[in-house]
Amino acid sequence: MDGIHDLGGMQGFGAVDHSPAEPSFHEPWEARTRALVPVVVGAVRARSGEFRHAIERMAPGHYLTSSYYEHWLTALATLAVEHGLVTREELEARAGGAVPLSGPVLVPPVTGPGAGVTEPRFQAGDRVRVRDWHPPGHTRCPRYVRGKTGIVARLDGNYSVPDVEAHGAARRDEPTYSVGFDAAELWSDGQRGVRVHVDLWDSYLEPA
């Protein structure tokens, strides 16, 4: 989906504040949130795509003003309520106040994903174009490469398509590729000779 989470290539957010000595967790609640992930995800039987999509559905203002692990905590709370593990009222009663949840899923469950793809359509060195489409559900195809042309650098094997697994129990496997793009084509910022490599599923691509 096209949401505030898809920040690749966007400007105006300033420098990334990072320290080589940064701890894994800044506060004890972050460690507890990390420990809750397998508990909640396992209880509701959510796959990684569904967990990511719960983060993508956060309100833009909340997403931009919250920390990394608060994104995780919001996703866990959202999945727990959506799957009936707990009601919102029970959650907020135990939290002692309002708990922000992500917005609703905007696509129906995927029940017929179609046959998987076993043989790659492209080989290293092939020129490919990323489909220029804007799915309302989960996708791992970054917005900044859609409609852009790149060169397949490497084949990485067959894996489950996140766009399918995020929206139900269905599964479809496809070949994946590492595709190299000219940074100047992606962002028109004059970075000649700089290559950006993105991992993409077969259905995201078409021949250039």
C-alpha atoms as a PDB file:
ATOM      1  CA  MET A   1       0.000   0.000   0.000  1.00  0.00           C
ATOM      2  CA  ASP A   2       1.075   3.616  -0.485  1.00  0.00           C
ATOM      3  CA  GLY A   3       1.487   4.843   3.066  1.00  0.00           C
ATOM      4  CA  ILE A   4       3.720   7.027   5.189  1.00  0.00           C
ATOM      5  CA  HIS A   5       5.881   3.977   5.989  1.00  0.00           C
ATOM      6  CA  ASP A   6       7.213   3.946   2.407  1.00  0.00           C
ATOM      7  CA  LEU A   7       9.760   6.743   2.921  1.00  0.00           C
ATOM      8  CA  GLY A   8      12.437   5.606   0.466  1.00  0.00           C
ATOM      9  CA  GLY A   9      13.648   8.533  -1.632  1.00  0.00           C
ATOM     10  CA  MET A  10      11.536  11.117   0.216  1.00  0.00           C
ATOM     11  CA  GLN A  11      13.239  14.328   1.346  1.00  0.00           C
ATOM     12  CA  GLY A  12      12.755  16.807   4.163  1.00  0.00           C
ATOM     13  CA  PHE A  13      13.143  14.498   7.165  1.00  0.00           C
ATOM     14  CA  GLY A  14      16.683  15.557   8.052  1.00  0.00           C
ATOM     15  CA  ALA A  15      19.704  13.427   8.866  1.00  0.00           C
ATOM     16  CA  VAL A  16      19.313   9.991  10.437  1.00  0.00           C
ATOM     17  CA  ASP A  17      20.342  10.194  14.091  1.00  0.00           C
ATOM     18  CA  HIS A  18      22.558   7.177  14.701  1.00  0.00           C
ATOM     19  CA  SER A  19      25.371   6.242  17.041  1.00  0.00           C
ATOM     20  CA  PRO A  20      27.668   3.202  16.581  1.00  0.00           C
ATOM     21  CA  ALA A  21      27.302   2.615  20.329  1.00  0.00           C
ATOM     22  CA  GLU A  22      23.513   2.730  20.260  1.00  0.00           C
ATOM     23  CA  PRO A  23      22.008   0.065  22.569  1.00  0.00           C
ATOM     24  CA  SER A  24      19.621  -2.594  21.295  1.00  0.00           C
ATOM     25  CA  PHE A  25      16.920  -1.265  23.619  1.00  0.00           C
ATOM     26  CA  HIS A  26      16.643   2.252  25.011  1.00  0.00           C
ATOM     27  CA  GLU A  27      13.950   1.420  27.564  1.00  0.00           C
ATOM     28  CA  PRO A  28      12.861  -1.824  29.306  1.00  0.00           C
ATOM     29  CA  TRP A  29       9.457  -1.727  27.571  1.00  0.00           C
ATOM     30  CA  GLU A  30      11.196  -2.062  24.186  1.00  0.00           C
ATOM     31  CA  ALA A  31      12.760  -5.371  25.233  1.00  0.00           C
ATOM     32  CA  ARG A  32       9.378  -6.574  26.482  1.00  0.00           C
ATOM     33  CA  THR A  33       7.792  -5.581  23.173  1.00  0.00           C
ATOM     34  CA  ARG A  34      10.420  -7.587  21.298  1.00  0.00           C
ATOM     35  CA  ALA A  35       9.696 -10.595  23.515  1.00  0.00           C
ATOM     36  CA  LEU A  36       5.946 -10.246  22.868  1.00  0.00           C
ATOM     37  CA  VAL A  37       6.330 -10.644  19.105  1.00  0.00           C
ATOM     38  CA  PRO A  38       6.544 -14.470  18.955  1.00  0.00           C
ATOM     39  CA  VAL A  39       3.881 -14.723  21.685  1.00  0.00           C
ATOM     40  CA  VAL A  40       1.226 -12.608  19.943  1.00  0.00           C
ATOM     41  CA  VAL A  41       2.152 -13.531  16.377  1.00  0.00           C
ATOM     42  CA  GLY A  42       2.135 -17.199  17.318  1.00  0.00           C
ATOM     43  CA  ALA A  43      -1.188 -16.948  19.147  1.00  0.00           C
ATOM     44  CA  VAL A  44      -2.983 -15.325  16.195  1.00  0.00           C
ATOM     45  CA  ARG A  45      -0.970 -17.272  13.584  1.00  0.00           C
ATOM     46  CA  ALA A  46       0.027 -14.133  11.716  1.00  0.00           C
ATOM     47  CA  ARG A  47       2.725 -14.311   9.081  1.00  0.00           C
ATOM     48  CA  SER A  48       5.467 -11.738   8.616  1.00  0.00           C
ATOM     49  CA  GLY A  49       3.583  -9.958   5.837  1.00  0.00           C
ATOM     50  CA  GLU A  50       0.533  -9.479   8.050  1.00  0.00           C
ATOM     51  CA  PHE A  51       2.687  -8.111  10.872  1.00  0.00           C
ATOM     52  CA  ARG A  52       4.366  -5.639   8.513  1.00  0.00           C
ATOM     53  CA  HIS A  53       1.004  -4.590   7.096  1.00  0.00           C
ATOM     54  CA  ALA A  54      -0.279  -3.815  10.593  1.00  0.00           C
ATOM     55  CA  ILE A  55       2.582  -1.320  10.910  1.00  0.00           C
ATOM     56  CA  GLU A  56       1.884   0.131   7.462  1.00  0.00           C
ATOM     57  CA  ARG A  57      -1.706   0.843   8.483  1.00  0.00           C
ATOM     58  CA  MET A  58      -0.718   3.156  11.344  1.00  0.00           C
ATOM     59  CA  ALA A  59      -2.047   6.711  11.189  1.00  0.00           C
ATOM     60  CA  PRO A  60       0.615   8.880   9.463  1.00  0.00           C
ATOM     61  CA  GLY A  61       0.980  11.283  12.382  1.00  0.00           C
ATOM     62  CA  HIS A  62       1.371   8.426  14.848  1.00  0.00           C
ATOM     63  CA  TYR A  63       3.879   6.631  12.618  1.00  0.00           C
ATOM     64  CA  LEU A  64       6.123   9.678  12.214  1.00  0.00           C
ATOM     65  CA  THR A  65       6.106  10.623  15.892  1.00  0.00           C
ATOM     66  CA  SER A  66       6.633   7.169  17.379  1.00  0.00           C
ATOM     67  CA  SER A  67       9.723   5.030  17.803  1.00  0.00           C
ATOM     68  CA  TYR A  68      10.697   1.803  16.084  1.00  0.00           C
ATOM     69  CA  TYR A  69       9.425  -0.442  18.867  1.00  0.00           C
ATOM     70  CA  GLU A  70       6.258   1.588  19.271  1.00  0.00           C
ATOM     71  CA  HIS A  71       5.523   0.631  15.665  1.00  0.00           C
ATOM     72  CA  TRP A  72       5.916  -2.995  16.711  1.00  0.00           C
ATOM     73  CA  LEU A  73       3.757  -2.525  19.804  1.00  0.00           C
ATOM     74  CA  THR A  74       0.976  -0.897  17.756  1.00  0.00           C
ATOM     75  CA  ALA A  75       1.072  -3.771  15.281  1.00  0.00           C
ATOM     76  CA  LEU A  76       0.872  -6.368  18.039  1.00  0.00           C
ATOM     77  CA  ALA A  77      -2.050  -4.601  19.722  1.00  0.00           C
ATOM     78  CA  THR A  78      -3.835  -4.280  16.381  1.00  0.00           C
ATOM     79  CA  LEU A  79      -3.403  -7.952  15.479  1.00  0.00           C
ATOM     80  CA  ALA A  80      -4.494  -9.050  18.957  1.00  0.00           C
ATOM     81  CA  VAL A  81      -7.755  -7.078  18.650  1.00  0.00           C
ATOM     82  CA  GLU A  82      -8.412  -7.980  15.014  1.00  0.00           C
ATOM     83  CA  HIS A  83      -7.973 -11.698  15.698  1.00  0.00           C
ATOM     84  CA  GLY A  84     -10.112 -11.657  18.844  1.00  0.00           C
ATOM     85  CA  LEU A  85      -7.272 -12.404  21.239  1.00  0.00           C
ATOM     86  CA  VAL A  86      -8.421  -9.432  23.322  1.00  0.00           C
ATOM     87  CA  THR A  87     -11.000  -6.676  22.918  1.00  0.00           C
ATOM     88  CA  ARG A  88      -9.985  -3.063  22.643  1.00  0.00           C
ATOM     89  CA  GLU A  89     -11.802  -2.345  25.892  1.00  0.00           C
ATOM     90  CA  GLU A  90      -9.904  -5.098  27.708  1.00  0.00           C
ATOM     91  CA  LEU A  91      -6.626  -3.882  26.222  1.00  0.00           C
ATOM     92  CA  GLU A  92      -7.169  -0.286  27.296  1.00  0.00           C
ATOM     93  CA  ALA A  93      -8.382  -1.328  30.743  1.00  0.00           C
ATOM     94  CA  ARG A  94      -5.136  -3.235  31.344  1.00  0.00           C
ATOM     95  CA  ALA A  95      -3.028  -0.450  29.781  1.00  0.00           C
ATOM     96  CA  GLY A  96      -4.694   2.190  31.918  1.00  0.00           C
ATOM     97  CA  GLY A  97      -5.608   4.414  28.996  1.00  0.00           C
ATOM     98  CA  ALA A  98      -6.153   4.719  25.264  1.00  0.00           C
ATOM     99  CA  VAL A  99      -4.173   2.387  23.009  1.00  0.00           C
ATOM    100  CA  PRO A 100      -3.797   3.562  19.379  1.00  0.00           C
ATOM    101  CA  LEU A 101      -4.526   0.871  16.810  1.00  0.00           C
ATOM    102  CA  SER A 102      -3.821   0.766  13.104  1.00  0.00           C
ATOM    103  CA  GLY A 103      -6.491   1.441  10.505  1.00  0.00           C
ATOM    104  CA  PRO A 104      -8.505  -1.321   8.809  1.00  0.00           C
ATOM    105  CA  VAL A 105      -7.293  -3.662   6.081  1.00  0.00           C
ATOM    106  CA  LEU A 106      -8.542  -2.271   2.759  1.00  0.00           C
ATOM    107  CA  VAL A 107      -8.529  -5.477   0.688  1.00  0.00           C
ATOM    108  CA  PRO A 108     -10.478  -8.751   1.047  1.00  0.00           C
ATOM    109  CA  PRO A 109      -8.690 -11.935   2.144  1.00  0.00           C
ATOM    110  CA  VAL A 110      -6.746 -13.716  -0.594  1.00  0.00           C
ATOM    111  CA  THR A 111      -8.271 -17.156  -1.106  1.00  0.00           C
ATOM    112  CA  GLY A 112      -7.189 -17.958  -4.675  1.00  0.00           C
ATOM    113  CA  PRO A 113      -3.643 -16.691  -5.224  1.00  0.00           C
ATOM    114  CA  GLY A 114      -3.106 -18.716  -8.394  1.00  0.00           C
ATOM    115  CA  ALA A 115      -0.344 -21.155  -9.161  1.00  0.00           C
ATOM    116  CA  GLY A 116       3.156 -20.378  -8.023  1.00  0.00           C
ATOM    117  CA  VAL A 117       6.031 -19.749 -10.413  1.00  0.00           C
ATOM    118  CA  THR A 118       8.874 -22.237 -10.337  1.00  0.00           C
ATOM    119  CA  GLU A 119      11.101 -21.076 -13.191  1.00  0.00           C
ATOM    120  CA  PRO A 120      12.510 -17.533 -13.267  1.00  0.00           C
ATOM    121  CA  ARG A 121      11.505 -15.408 -16.238  1.00  0.00           C
ATOM    122  CA  PHE A 122      14.695 -13.358 -16.027  1.00  0.00           C
ATOM    123  CA  GLN A 123      18.404 -14.010 -15.745  1.00  0.00           C
ATOM    124  CA  ALA A 124      21.338 -11.958 -14.510  1.00  0.00           C
ATOM    125  CA  GLY A 125      22.006  -9.145 -16.977  1.00  0.00           C
ATOM    126  CA  ASP A 126      18.393  -8.828 -18.191  1.00  0.00           C
ATOM    127  CA  ARG A 127      16.851  -5.360 -18.286  1.00  0.00           C
ATOM    128  CA  VAL A 128      13.554  -5.267 -16.420  1.00  0.00           C
ATOM    129  CA  ARG A 129      10.945  -2.663 -15.562  1.00  0.00           C
ATOM    130  CA  VAL A 130       9.095  -2.581 -12.262  1.00  0.00           C
ATOM    131  CA  ARG A 131       5.320  -2.520 -12.698  1.00  0.00           C
ATOM    132  CA  ASP A 132       3.858   0.902 -12.003  1.00  0.00           C
ATOM    133  CA  TRP A 133       0.903  -0.016  -9.823  1.00  0.00           C
ATOM    134  CA  HIS A 134      -0.399   1.020  -6.428  1.00  0.00           C
ATOM    135  CA  PRO A 135      -1.895  -1.918  -4.494  1.00  0.00           C
ATOM    136  CA  PRO A 136      -4.175  -1.029  -1.551  1.00  0.00           C
ATOM    137  CA  GLY A 137      -2.872  -4.030   0.390  1.00  0.00           C
ATOM    138  CA  HIS A 138       0.588  -5.072   1.526  1.00  0.00           C
ATOM    139  CA  THR A 139       3.502  -5.180  -0.890  1.00  0.00           C
ATOM    140  CA  ARG A 140       7.278  -5.335  -0.552  1.00  0.00           C
ATOM    141  CA  CYS A 141       7.763  -3.367  -3.765  1.00  0.00           C
ATOM    142  CA  PRO A 142       9.060   0.110  -2.800  1.00  0.00           C
ATOM    143  CA  ARG A 143       7.199   3.020  -4.340  1.00  0.00           C
ATOM    144  CA  TYR A 144      10.403   4.700  -5.535  1.00  0.00           C
ATOM    145  CA  VAL A 145      11.262   1.886  -7.978  1.00  0.00           C
ATOM    146  CA  ARG A 146       7.825   1.474  -9.566  1.00  0.00           C
ATOM    147  CA  GLY A 147       7.917   2.254 -13.257  1.00  0.00           C
ATOM    148  CA  LYS A 148      11.739   2.336 -13.210  1.00  0.00           C
ATOM    149  CA  THR A 149      14.116   0.227 -15.294  1.00  0.00           C
ATOM    150  CA  GLY A 150      16.957  -1.777 -13.816  1.00  0.00           C
ATOM    151  CA  ILE A 151      19.229  -4.741 -14.495  1.00  0.00           C
ATOM    152  CA  VAL A 152      18.947  -8.132 -12.809  1.00  0.00           C
ATOM    153  CA  ALA A 153      22.133  -8.598 -10.800  1.00  0.00           C
ATOM    154  CA  ARG A 154      21.348 -11.917  -9.110  1.00  0.00           C
ATOM    155  CA  LEU A 155      18.718 -14.644  -8.763  1.00  0.00           C
ATOM    156  CA  ASP A 156      17.951 -15.376  -5.118  1.00  0.00           C
ATOM    157  CA  GLY A 157      15.627 -18.380  -5.216  1.00  0.00           C
ATOM    158  CA  ASN A 158      11.882 -18.884  -4.764  1.00  0.00           C
ATOM    159  CA  TYR A 159      10.043 -17.403  -1.788  1.00  0.00           C
ATOM    160  CA  SER A 160       6.513 -16.735  -0.582  1.00  0.00           C
ATOM    161  CA  VAL A 161       4.991 -13.561  -2.056  1.00  0.00           C
ATOM    162  CA  PRO A 162       4.343 -11.143   0.855  1.00  0.00           C
ATOM    163  CA  ASP A 163       1.435  -9.524  -0.999  1.00  0.00           C
ATOM    164  CA  VAL A 164      -0.419 -12.845  -0.756  1.00  0.00           C
ATOM    165  CA  GLU A 165       0.618 -14.084   2.680  1.00  0.00           C
ATOM    166  CA  ALA A 166      -0.311 -10.784   4.360  1.00  0.00           C
ATOM    167  CA  HIS A 167      -3.977 -11.268   3.495  1.00  0.00           C
ATOM    168  CA  GLY A 168      -4.944 -14.778   4.485  1.00  0.00           C
ATOM    169  CA  ALA A 169      -3.753 -18.342   4.777  1.00  0.00           C
ATOM    170  CA  ALA A 170      -3.005 -18.687   1.049  1.00  0.00           C
ATOM    171  CA  ARG A 171       0.551 -18.852  -0.254  1.00  0.00           C
ATOM    172  CA  ARG A 172       2.244 -18.419  -3.620  1.00  0.00           C
ATOM    173  CA  ASP A 173       5.955 -18.847  -4.243  1.00  0.00           C
ATOM    174  CA  GLU A 174       7.822 -16.944  -6.937  1.00  0.00           C
ATOM    175  CA  PRO A 175      11.429 -16.360  -7.992  1.00  0.00           C
ATOM    176  CA  THR A 176      13.115 -13.352  -6.418  1.00  0.00           C
ATOM    177  CA  TYR A 177      15.816 -11.148  -7.889  1.00  0.00           C
ATOM    178  CA  SER A 178      18.300  -8.533  -6.808  1.00  0.00           C
ATOM    179  CA  VAL A 179      17.769  -5.719  -9.317  1.00  0.00           C
ATOM    180  CA  GLY A 180      20.239  -2.855  -9.685  1.00  0.00           C
ATOM    181  CA  PHE A 181      19.004   0.659 -10.505  1.00  0.00           C
ATOM    182  CA  ASP A 182      20.867   3.829 -11.444  1.00  0.00           C
ATOM    183  CA  ALA A 183      20.325   6.237  -8.518  1.00  0.00           C
ATOM    184  CA  ALA A 184      20.084   9.140 -10.978  1.00  0.00           C
ATOM    185  CA  GLU A 185      17.085   7.481 -12.650  1.00  0.00           C
ATOM    186  CA  LEU A 186      15.376   6.808  -9.341  1.00  0.00           C
ATOM    187  CA  TRP A 187      15.700  10.278  -7.841  1.00  0.00           C
ATOM    188  CA  SER A 188      17.141  12.579 -10.578  1.00  0.00           C
ATOM    189  CA  ASP A 189      19.682  13.853  -8.052  1.00  0.00           C
ATOM    190  CA  GLY A 190      22.807  13.660 -10.199  1.00  0.00           C
ATOM    191  CA  GLN A 191      24.337  10.599  -8.521  1.00  0.00           C
ATOM    192  CA  ARG A 192      25.852   9.192 -11.689  1.00  0.00           C
ATOM    193  CA  GLY A 193      27.476   5.788 -11.292  1.00  0.00           C
ATOM    194  CA  VAL A 194      25.708   5.013  -8.007  1.00  0.00           C
ATOM    195  CA  ARG A 195      23.745   1.767  -8.021  1.00  0.00           C
ATOM    196  CA  VAL A 196      20.831   0.897  -5.743  1.00  0.00           C
ATOM    197  CA  HIS A 197      19.973  -2.803  -5.400  1.00  0.00           C
ATOM    198  CA  VAL A 198      16.438  -3.850  -4.461  1.00  0.00           C
ATOM    199  CA  ASP A 199      15.095  -7.373  -3.824  1.00  0.00           C
ATOM    200  CA  LEU A 200      11.973  -7.921  -5.948  1.00  0.00           C
ATOM    201  CA  TRP A 201       9.539 -10.758  -6.636  1.00  0.00           C
ATOM    202  CA  ASP A 202       8.866 -12.022 -10.163  1.00  0.00           C
ATOM    203  CA  SER A 203       5.325 -10.602 -10.350  1.00  0.00           C
ATOM    204  CA  TYR A 204       6.627  -7.102  -9.633  1.00  0.00           C
ATOM    205  CA  LEU A 205       8.594  -7.117 -12.887  1.00  0.00           C
ATOM    206  CA  GLU A 206       8.077  -7.017 -16.637  1.00  0.00           C
ATOM    207  CA  PRO A 207      10.567  -7.111 -19.530  1.00  0.00           C
ATOM    208  CA  ALA A 208      12.074  -3.707 -20.329  1.00  0.00           C
END
